[in-house]
Protein backbone atom coordinates (compact mmCIF):
# COMPACT_ATOMS: atom_id res chain seq x y z
CA MET A 1 -47.84 59.12 -38.15
CA THR A 2 -44.79 60.36 -36.30
CA GLN A 3 -46.13 59.04 -33.07
CA GLN A 4 -46.69 55.62 -34.62
CA VAL A 5 -43.14 55.48 -35.96
CA SER A 6 -41.79 56.59 -32.62
CA ARG A 7 -43.88 53.85 -30.84
CA SER A 8 -42.70 51.18 -33.26
CA ARG A 9 -39.04 52.17 -32.65
CA SER A 10 -39.65 52.01 -28.99
CA LEU A 11 -41.19 48.56 -29.21
CA CYS A 12 -38.31 47.38 -31.44
CA THR A 13 -35.78 48.71 -28.91
CA LEU A 14 -37.61 47.06 -26.05
CA PHE A 15 -37.82 43.77 -27.94
CA ALA A 16 -34.10 43.89 -28.80
CA THR A 17 -33.27 44.58 -25.13
CA LEU A 18 -35.25 41.62 -23.91
CA ILE A 19 -33.60 39.33 -26.45
CA LEU A 20 -30.12 40.53 -25.35
CA ALA A 21 -31.05 40.12 -21.69
CA GLN A 22 -32.32 36.61 -22.22
CA GLY A 23 -29.18 35.68 -24.25
CA ALA A 24 -26.96 37.03 -21.50
CA ALA A 25 -28.91 35.17 -18.87
CA PHE A 26 -28.67 32.00 -20.95
CA ALA A 27 -24.92 32.45 -21.36
CA LEU A 28 -24.45 33.05 -17.72
CA HIS A 29 -26.54 30.00 -16.80
CA SER A 30 -24.59 27.78 -19.22
CA THR A 31 -21.11 28.79 -17.98
CA GLU A 32 -21.59 29.45 -14.28
CA PRO A 33 -22.96 26.66 -12.05
CA ASN A 34 -25.64 27.74 -9.66
CA ARG A 35 -25.68 26.92 -5.95
CA ALA A 36 -27.78 23.73 -6.43
CA THR A 37 -25.25 22.41 -8.91
CA ILE A 38 -22.32 23.17 -6.66
CA ALA A 39 -24.00 21.49 -3.72
CA LYS A 40 -24.79 18.45 -5.83
CA SER A 41 -21.09 18.21 -6.95
CA ARG A 42 -19.88 18.47 -3.40
CA HIS A 43 -22.27 15.74 -2.35
CA LYS A 44 -20.91 13.44 -5.06
CA ILE A 45 -17.40 14.14 -4.03
CA HIS A 46 -18.27 13.37 -0.42
CA GLN A 47 -19.94 10.13 -1.35
CA ALA A 48 -16.87 9.13 -3.40
CA HIS A 49 -14.55 9.69 -0.51
CA HIS A 50 -16.92 7.85 1.79
CA ARG A 51 -16.93 4.90 -0.48
CA ARG A 52 -13.17 4.92 -0.57
CA ARG A 53 -13.08 4.93 3.25
CA LEU A 54 -15.45 2.01 3.40
CA ALA A 55 -13.37 0.09 0.82
CA TRP A 56 -10.28 0.39 3.11
CA ASN A 57 -10.90 -2.56 5.49
CA PRO A 58 -7.60 -4.35 5.86
CA LEU A 59 -7.18 -7.51 7.83
CA PHE A 60 -3.82 -6.32 9.18
CA ARG A 61 -4.28 -2.76 10.18
CA PRO A 62 -1.04 -0.90 11.15
CA SER A 63 -0.69 -0.24 14.82
CA HIS A 64 1.70 0.73 17.60
CA ASP A 65 1.42 -2.69 19.10
CA SER A 66 2.45 -4.28 15.85
CA LEU A 67 5.59 -2.22 15.74
CA LEU A 68 6.43 -3.23 19.29
CA ARG A 69 6.01 -6.92 18.38
CA GLN A 70 8.25 -6.58 15.40
CA ASN A 71 11.01 -4.99 17.45
CA GLU A 72 10.56 -7.53 20.27
CA GLU A 73 11.20 -10.28 17.70
CA ILE A 74 14.29 -8.58 16.44
CA ASP A 75 15.55 -8.29 20.02
CA ARG A 76 14.84 -11.97 20.63
CA ILE A 77 16.86 -12.91 17.58
CA ASP A 78 19.55 -10.42 18.73
CA LEU A 79 19.87 -8.66 15.39
CA PRO A 80 21.55 -5.25 14.97
CA ARG A 81 19.83 -2.34 13.44
CA ILE A 82 22.09 -1.57 10.42
CA GLN A 83 23.49 1.92 10.82
CA ASP A 84 25.14 2.73 7.46
CA ASP A 85 26.37 1.40 4.19
CA ASP A 86 29.58 0.03 5.81
CA GLU A 87 27.61 -2.22 8.10
CA LEU A 88 25.31 -3.19 5.26
CA GLU A 89 28.20 -4.32 3.07
CA ALA A 90 29.81 -6.25 5.95
CA LEU A 91 26.57 -8.23 6.49
CA LYS A 92 26.40 -8.96 2.79
CA ALA A 93 30.00 -10.17 2.68
CA ALA A 94 29.23 -12.50 5.64
CA HIS A 95 26.14 -13.76 3.84
CA SER A 96 24.01 -12.66 6.78
CA LEU A 97 22.03 -10.74 4.18
CA VAL A 98 21.25 -12.45 0.83
CA PRO A 99 20.10 -10.96 -2.45
CA ILE A 100 16.43 -11.09 -3.59
CA VAL A 101 16.45 -12.30 -7.15
CA GLU A 102 13.78 -11.77 -9.75
CA SER A 103 12.14 -14.86 -11.18
CA GLU A 104 9.11 -16.10 -13.01
CA SER A 105 7.03 -15.46 -9.81
CA LEU A 106 8.83 -12.54 -8.34
CA LYS A 107 9.77 -9.08 -9.54
CA ILE A 108 11.35 -6.06 -7.87
CA GLU A 109 10.29 -2.41 -8.04
CA HIS A 110 12.80 -0.83 -10.52
CA ARG A 111 13.35 2.21 -8.29
CA LEU A 112 14.67 0.05 -5.43
CA GLU A 113 18.43 0.54 -5.35
CA PRO A 114 20.38 -2.66 -6.10
CA ALA A 115 22.37 -2.26 -2.87
CA ARG A 116 19.16 -2.51 -0.88
CA ARG A 117 17.68 -5.58 -2.68
CA TYR A 118 18.82 -7.73 0.25
CA CYS A 119 17.22 -9.37 3.29
CA ARG A 120 17.75 -12.17 5.84
CA PRO A 121 17.91 -15.71 4.38
CA TRP A 122 14.61 -16.79 5.93
CA THR A 123 12.92 -13.57 4.81
CA ARG A 124 14.02 -14.41 1.22
CA ASP A 125 12.68 -17.92 1.68
CA PHE A 126 9.26 -16.51 2.72
CA VAL A 127 9.16 -14.18 -0.29
CA GLU A 128 10.04 -16.94 -2.71
CA ASP A 129 7.45 -19.35 -1.20
CA LEU A 130 4.69 -16.75 -1.31
CA GLY A 131 5.63 -15.76 -4.88
CA GLN A 132 5.46 -19.35 -5.99
CA ALA A 133 2.07 -19.88 -4.38
CA TYR A 134 0.79 -16.62 -5.82
CA TYR A 135 2.00 -17.40 -9.34
CA HIS A 136 0.52 -20.86 -9.12
CA GLN A 137 -2.94 -19.29 -8.27
CA PHE A 138 -2.95 -16.30 -10.57
CA HIS A 139 -0.06 -16.65 -13.09
CA ALA A 140 1.17 -13.26 -11.86
CA GLN A 141 4.24 -11.99 -10.07
CA ILE A 142 4.52 -10.70 -6.45
CA GLN A 143 6.49 -7.41 -6.46
CA VAL A 144 8.99 -6.48 -3.75
CA ASN A 145 8.91 -2.71 -3.22
CA SER A 146 11.37 -2.43 -0.29
CA ALA A 147 13.68 -4.66 1.71
CA VAL A 148 16.63 -3.85 3.98
CA ARG A 149 17.29 -0.26 5.01
CA THR A 150 19.98 1.48 7.06
CA VAL A 151 19.34 4.00 9.86
CA LYS A 152 20.59 6.79 7.62
CA VAL A 153 18.11 5.81 4.84
CA GLN A 154 15.21 5.58 7.37
CA GLN A 155 16.05 9.03 8.76
CA LYS A 156 16.07 10.50 5.20
CA LEU A 157 12.73 8.78 4.59
CA ARG A 158 11.20 10.26 7.68
CA ARG A 159 11.99 13.84 6.46
CA HIS A 160 9.44 13.59 3.73
CA ASN A 161 7.18 10.79 4.97
CA ARG A 162 5.97 11.39 8.49
CA ASN A 163 4.05 8.08 8.39
CA ALA A 164 7.34 6.15 8.14
CA ALA A 165 8.45 4.36 11.36
CA PRO A 166 11.24 5.91 13.43
CA ALA A 167 14.86 5.00 12.95
CA ASP A 168 15.40 4.09 16.65
CA GLY A 169 13.47 3.19 19.72
CA ASP A 170 10.91 0.48 20.59
CA THR A 171 8.88 1.21 17.44
CA ALA A 172 11.83 1.47 14.95
CA SER A 173 11.34 0.22 11.41
CA SER A 174 12.00 -3.50 11.27
CA HIS A 175 13.49 -2.97 7.73
CA LEU A 176 16.68 -1.89 9.69
CA ALA A 177 17.36 -5.49 10.67
CA GLY A 178 16.82 -6.89 7.27
CA VAL A 179 13.86 -9.13 8.31
CA THR A 180 11.12 -7.23 6.50
CA VAL A 181 9.85 -6.71 2.97
CA ASP A 182 7.18 -4.48 1.50
CA LEU A 183 5.10 -6.29 -1.15
CA GLN A 184 3.05 -4.32 -3.74
CA ARG A 185 -0.69 -4.29 -2.91
CA ARG A 186 -1.80 -1.67 -5.36
CA GLY A 187 -3.24 -3.14 -8.52
CA MET A 188 -4.27 -6.40 -7.00
CA THR A 189 -7.86 -7.57 -7.35
CA LYS A 190 -9.97 -8.31 -4.32
CA GLN A 191 -9.43 -11.93 -4.84
CA GLN A 192 -5.63 -11.55 -4.91
CA VAL A 193 -5.64 -9.42 -1.82
CA ARG A 194 -7.74 -11.98 -0.02
CA PHE A 195 -5.32 -14.73 -1.10
CA VAL A 196 -2.34 -12.83 0.32
CA GLU A 197 -4.28 -12.03 3.49
CA ARG A 198 -5.19 -15.70 4.04
CA TYR A 199 -1.66 -16.73 3.46
CA LEU A 200 -0.29 -14.23 6.02
CA PHE A 201 -3.04 -14.94 8.48
CA TYR A 202 -2.01 -18.57 8.68
CA LEU A 203 1.61 -17.74 9.20
CA ARG A 204 0.84 -15.07 11.74
CA GLU A 205 -1.19 -17.49 13.83
CA LEU A 206 1.98 -19.71 13.94
CA GLY A 207 4.04 -16.79 15.13
CA LEU A 208 6.13 -16.74 11.91
CA VAL A 209 5.30 -13.30 10.47
CA GLU A 210 3.99 -9.92 11.69
CA PRO A 211 2.14 -8.27 8.79
CA GLU A 212 0.63 -4.86 8.27
CA GLU A 213 -1.29 -3.40 5.29
CA GLU A 214 -0.07 0.12 4.68
CA ARG A 215 -2.64 2.48 3.14
CA ARG A 216 -0.46 5.41 1.89
CA HIS A 217 1.80 3.15 -0.19
CA TRP A 218 -0.70 0.29 -0.60
CA CYS A 219 1.59 -2.49 0.33
CA PHE A 220 1.84 -5.51 2.56
CA HIS A 221 4.67 -4.77 5.17
CA VAL A 222 5.76 -8.31 6.40
CA MET A 223 8.32 -8.83 9.17
CA VAL A 224 9.47 -12.57 9.06
CA SER A 225 10.76 -14.42 12.14
CA ASP A 226 13.78 -16.65 11.92
CA ARG A 227 11.50 -19.49 13.06
CA TYR A 228 10.17 -19.54 9.59
CA ALA A 229 13.25 -21.46 8.47
CA ASP A 230 12.52 -24.44 10.83
CA TRP A 231 8.85 -24.36 9.99
CA ARG A 232 9.65 -24.33 6.25
CA GLN A 233 11.91 -27.37 6.65
CA SER A 234 9.05 -29.25 8.32
CA GLN A 235 6.80 -28.53 5.34
CA THR A 236 8.99 -30.56 3.03
CA ILE A 237 7.65 -33.65 4.79
CA VAL A 238 3.93 -32.63 4.83
CA PRO A 239 3.47 -29.87 2.25
CA ARG A 240 0.78 -27.30 3.06
CA LEU A 241 -0.60 -24.22 1.35
CA PRO A 242 -1.19 -21.53 4.02
CA ALA A 243 -3.74 -19.59 1.93
CA GLN A 244 -6.02 -22.66 1.76
CA GLU A 245 -5.69 -23.71 5.37
CA SER A 246 -6.49 -20.31 6.73
CA GLU A 247 -9.45 -19.47 4.48
CA ILE A 248 -12.14 -20.66 6.99
CA ALA A 249 -10.41 -18.87 9.89
CA VAL A 250 -10.11 -15.60 8.04
CA THR A 251 -13.71 -15.74 6.77
CA GLY A 252 -14.88 -16.36 10.29
CA SER A 253 -12.85 -13.40 11.69
CA ASN A 254 -14.62 -10.90 9.37
């Protein structure tokens, strides 16, 4: 009888041990991913990064040659690179730089300092024209993220953004001459991005703008030639919509 009781206790103890072991194994399995799960997760992350890389296929990819062209145009017009706030204010007083004003079709990034919401007159004409065309198409506003900068501002920007253009030399930022604006690209639909690309493609082929699509800040960086003023005047006689006229050319280039 004693042996039977002892055997029963042993079986109960073994049974309890097995239950506890299975419970521990279940708990471990439910809270700790195994190697297969980790590998699967890493594969999904890699695929997501790969899809994002494939999605970035800009028409106007930033390049060293583009920076050179922008600076060559500034030199041709014989514009100064604005050194500091004193030079900036003097150009404003002389109306060499004009304010960018918000409208039904145009808005300005609220963090852009009011003192730097300025550009050359022909650059403002370009922004307003594009804004009106964009609003007519989508009933939405084009946003200006950046306009004129001084050398001091560009040097400060370079300290925490190594992708920013230099403050001097053959590849200096064209913002320093007041001929360039950055237009918000983030948040646009594919159709809206394509519209702006077509618009810029047409003007670039005429030698009126030098655009880039920046990836880090997701914006259209557009340098505008002073030739835009004469071209714009000619369009009052025979109006054209750049985005429409360049659609076939852009489609063919892809």
